[in-house]
Amino acid sequence: PAEPTMVLRLKFLNDTERLARVHPGDTVGALKRAYFPGQEQQVRLIYQGQLLRDDTQSLAALHLAHNSVLHCHISPHSPAPAPAGPHASTDPVHAALNVGSLMLPLFVLMLAVLWYFQLQYRHVFTATATTFLAGLTLLFSFMAFTMYRR
């Protein structure tokens, strides 16, 4: 008997969708070849937050159901091989402007300065401002611990 077909929803970054008719026995690579011919190396498929790296893995092994959503990212050029060093970057502009890694220390520094001023110039801070500062510190601490506890 013929293998049943199922429909997968390919969702792109601009919120457009494309329907893909596949068989559960098809591989991730076959899906890329069928729906992104010539762009297989540039296409990244993401299912439930996981990047599908293994092109030989079958769709059934991923537990994809009918109408499952695969998020698609198509890079404008072929991916470069991974850099040799742990923090090496092939793009000097991207490496120089990596502000994301500085956000946690920046927020900690801002909170420390605000707490210093609150303790040194207590008469300037109202009870509302102190309560807000304490709440902001608790919120930031909670967010930092949940994000970085991996």
Protein backbone atom coordinates (compact mmCIF):
# COMPACT_ATOMS: atom_id res chain seq x y z
CA PRO A 1 0.00 0.00 0.00
CA ALA A 2 1.09 3.55 -0.70
CA GLU A 3 2.43 5.57 2.18
CA PRO A 4 -0.09 8.21 3.37
CA THR A 5 0.64 11.82 2.59
CA MET A 6 0.53 14.62 5.11
CA VAL A 7 0.62 18.38 4.81
CA LEU A 8 3.27 20.46 6.55
CA ARG A 9 3.04 24.23 6.88
CA LEU A 10 6.31 25.97 5.97
CA LYS A 11 6.26 29.34 7.73
CA PHE A 12 8.72 32.05 6.73
CA LEU A 13 10.08 35.06 8.64
CA ASN A 14 7.73 37.46 6.84
CA ASP A 15 4.74 35.39 8.14
CA THR A 16 3.96 33.90 4.73
CA GLU A 17 3.16 30.21 4.61
CA ARG A 18 3.59 27.49 2.04
CA LEU A 19 2.00 24.04 2.18
CA ALA A 20 4.20 20.99 1.59
CA ARG A 21 2.75 17.58 0.76
CA VAL A 22 5.14 14.95 2.09
CA HIS A 23 5.29 11.32 3.18
CA PRO A 24 6.32 10.43 6.76
CA GLY A 25 9.23 8.39 5.35
CA ASP A 26 10.68 11.39 3.51
CA THR A 27 13.87 12.89 4.90
CA VAL A 28 14.59 16.49 5.86
CA GLY A 29 16.99 16.66 2.90
CA ALA A 30 14.32 15.42 0.49
CA LEU A 31 11.93 18.08 1.78
CA LYS A 32 14.58 20.78 1.20
CA ARG A 33 15.35 19.46 -2.30
CA ALA A 34 11.66 19.29 -3.25
CA TYR A 35 10.58 22.72 -1.99
CA PHE A 36 13.85 24.70 -2.14
CA PRO A 37 15.70 23.39 -5.23
CA GLY A 38 19.18 24.85 -5.50
CA GLN A 39 18.91 26.45 -2.05
CA GLU A 40 19.28 23.34 0.12
CA GLN A 41 22.46 24.63 1.81
CA GLN A 42 20.87 28.01 2.55
CA VAL A 43 17.63 26.73 4.09
CA ARG A 44 17.30 26.27 7.84
CA LEU A 45 14.25 24.35 9.06
CA ILE A 46 13.17 24.72 12.68
CA TYR A 47 10.60 22.52 14.41
CA GLN A 48 9.48 23.19 17.99
CA GLY A 49 12.51 25.42 18.58
CA GLN A 50 15.02 22.83 17.34
CA LEU A 51 17.13 23.34 14.23
CA LEU A 52 16.81 20.31 11.96
CA ARG A 53 20.50 19.75 11.13
CA ASP A 54 20.44 16.11 10.04
CA ASP A 55 19.24 15.96 6.42
CA THR A 56 19.09 12.15 6.58
CA GLN A 57 16.53 12.09 9.42
CA SER A 58 13.03 11.04 8.42
CA LEU A 59 10.00 13.22 9.12
CA ALA A 60 8.39 10.35 11.03
CA ALA A 61 11.40 10.23 13.40
CA LEU A 62 10.77 13.91 14.19
CA HIS A 63 7.16 13.04 15.17
CA LEU A 64 5.77 15.52 12.68
CA ALA A 65 1.99 15.34 12.47
CA HIS A 66 -0.39 16.48 9.76
CA ASN A 67 -0.49 20.31 9.67
CA SER A 68 2.71 20.72 11.75
CA VAL A 69 4.51 24.04 11.33
CA LEU A 70 8.14 24.12 10.19
CA HIS A 71 9.75 27.55 10.48
CA CYS A 72 11.98 28.34 7.50
CA HIS A 73 14.92 30.71 7.31
CA ILE A 74 16.68 31.17 4.01
CA SER A 75 20.05 32.86 4.32
CA PRO A 76 21.12 35.06 1.41
CA HIS A 77 24.37 33.12 0.91
CA SER A 78 25.76 29.70 1.69
CA PRO A 79 26.71 29.19 5.35
CA ALA A 80 30.42 29.47 6.06
CA PRO A 81 32.17 26.72 7.99
CA ALA A 82 32.22 27.20 11.75
CA PRO A 83 35.03 29.48 13.00
CA ALA A 84 38.01 27.76 14.63
CA GLY A 85 38.11 29.73 17.89
CA PRO A 86 35.33 29.71 20.49
CA HIS A 87 34.55 33.41 20.00
CA ALA A 88 36.03 33.95 16.54
CA SER A 89 33.82 35.69 14.03
CA THR A 90 34.31 35.85 10.28
CA ASP A 91 32.44 39.16 10.15
CA PRO A 92 34.45 41.92 11.93
CA VAL A 93 31.52 44.37 11.94
CA HIS A 94 29.23 41.83 13.62
CA ALA A 95 31.94 40.99 16.17
CA ALA A 96 32.53 44.66 16.96
CA LEU A 97 28.83 45.44 17.39
CA ASN A 98 27.88 42.44 19.55
CA VAL A 99 26.02 44.51 22.14
CA GLY A 100 23.87 41.59 23.27
CA SER A 101 26.65 40.15 25.40
CA LEU A 102 27.01 43.51 27.16
CA MET A 103 23.36 43.90 28.14
CA LEU A 104 23.51 41.90 31.38
CA PRO A 105 26.57 43.74 32.76
CA LEU A 106 25.08 47.06 31.63
CA PHE A 107 21.80 46.44 33.49
CA VAL A 108 23.67 45.24 36.59
CA LEU A 109 25.80 48.39 36.51
CA MET A 110 22.72 50.62 36.11
CA LEU A 111 20.95 48.93 39.02
CA ALA A 112 24.09 49.17 41.18
CA VAL A 113 24.40 52.90 40.46
CA LEU A 114 20.72 53.46 41.22
CA TRP A 115 21.02 51.55 44.52
CA TYR A 116 24.17 53.55 45.40
CA PHE A 117 22.31 56.82 44.83
CA GLN A 118 19.32 55.51 46.76
CA LEU A 119 21.51 54.71 49.77
CA GLN A 120 23.63 57.89 49.59
CA TYR A 121 20.83 60.35 48.79
CA ARG A 122 17.91 58.72 50.56
CA HIS A 123 16.16 62.04 51.05
CA VAL A 124 15.78 62.49 47.27
CA PHE A 125 14.09 59.11 46.71
CA THR A 126 10.40 58.85 47.55
CA ALA A 127 8.88 55.66 48.92
CA THR A 128 7.34 55.02 45.51
CA ALA A 129 10.71 55.37 43.76
CA THR A 130 12.38 53.02 46.25
CA THR A 131 9.57 50.47 45.85
CA PHE A 132 9.86 50.72 42.07
CA LEU A 133 13.64 50.25 42.26
CA ALA A 134 13.23 47.17 44.48
CA GLY A 135 10.59 45.74 42.13
CA LEU A 136 12.77 46.41 39.10
CA THR A 137 15.70 44.68 40.81
CA LEU A 138 13.56 41.64 41.65
CA LEU A 139 12.13 41.47 38.13
CA PHE A 140 15.57 41.75 36.55
CA SER A 141 17.02 39.14 38.91
CA PHE A 142 14.18 36.73 38.12
CA MET A 143 14.61 37.23 34.37
CA ALA A 144 18.40 36.87 34.53
CA PHE A 145 18.22 33.63 36.54
CA THR A 146 15.58 32.07 34.29
CA MET A 147 17.46 33.01 31.12
CA TYR A 148 20.93 31.96 32.26
CA ARG A 149 20.25 28.92 34.44
CA ARG A 150 20.98 26.48 31.57
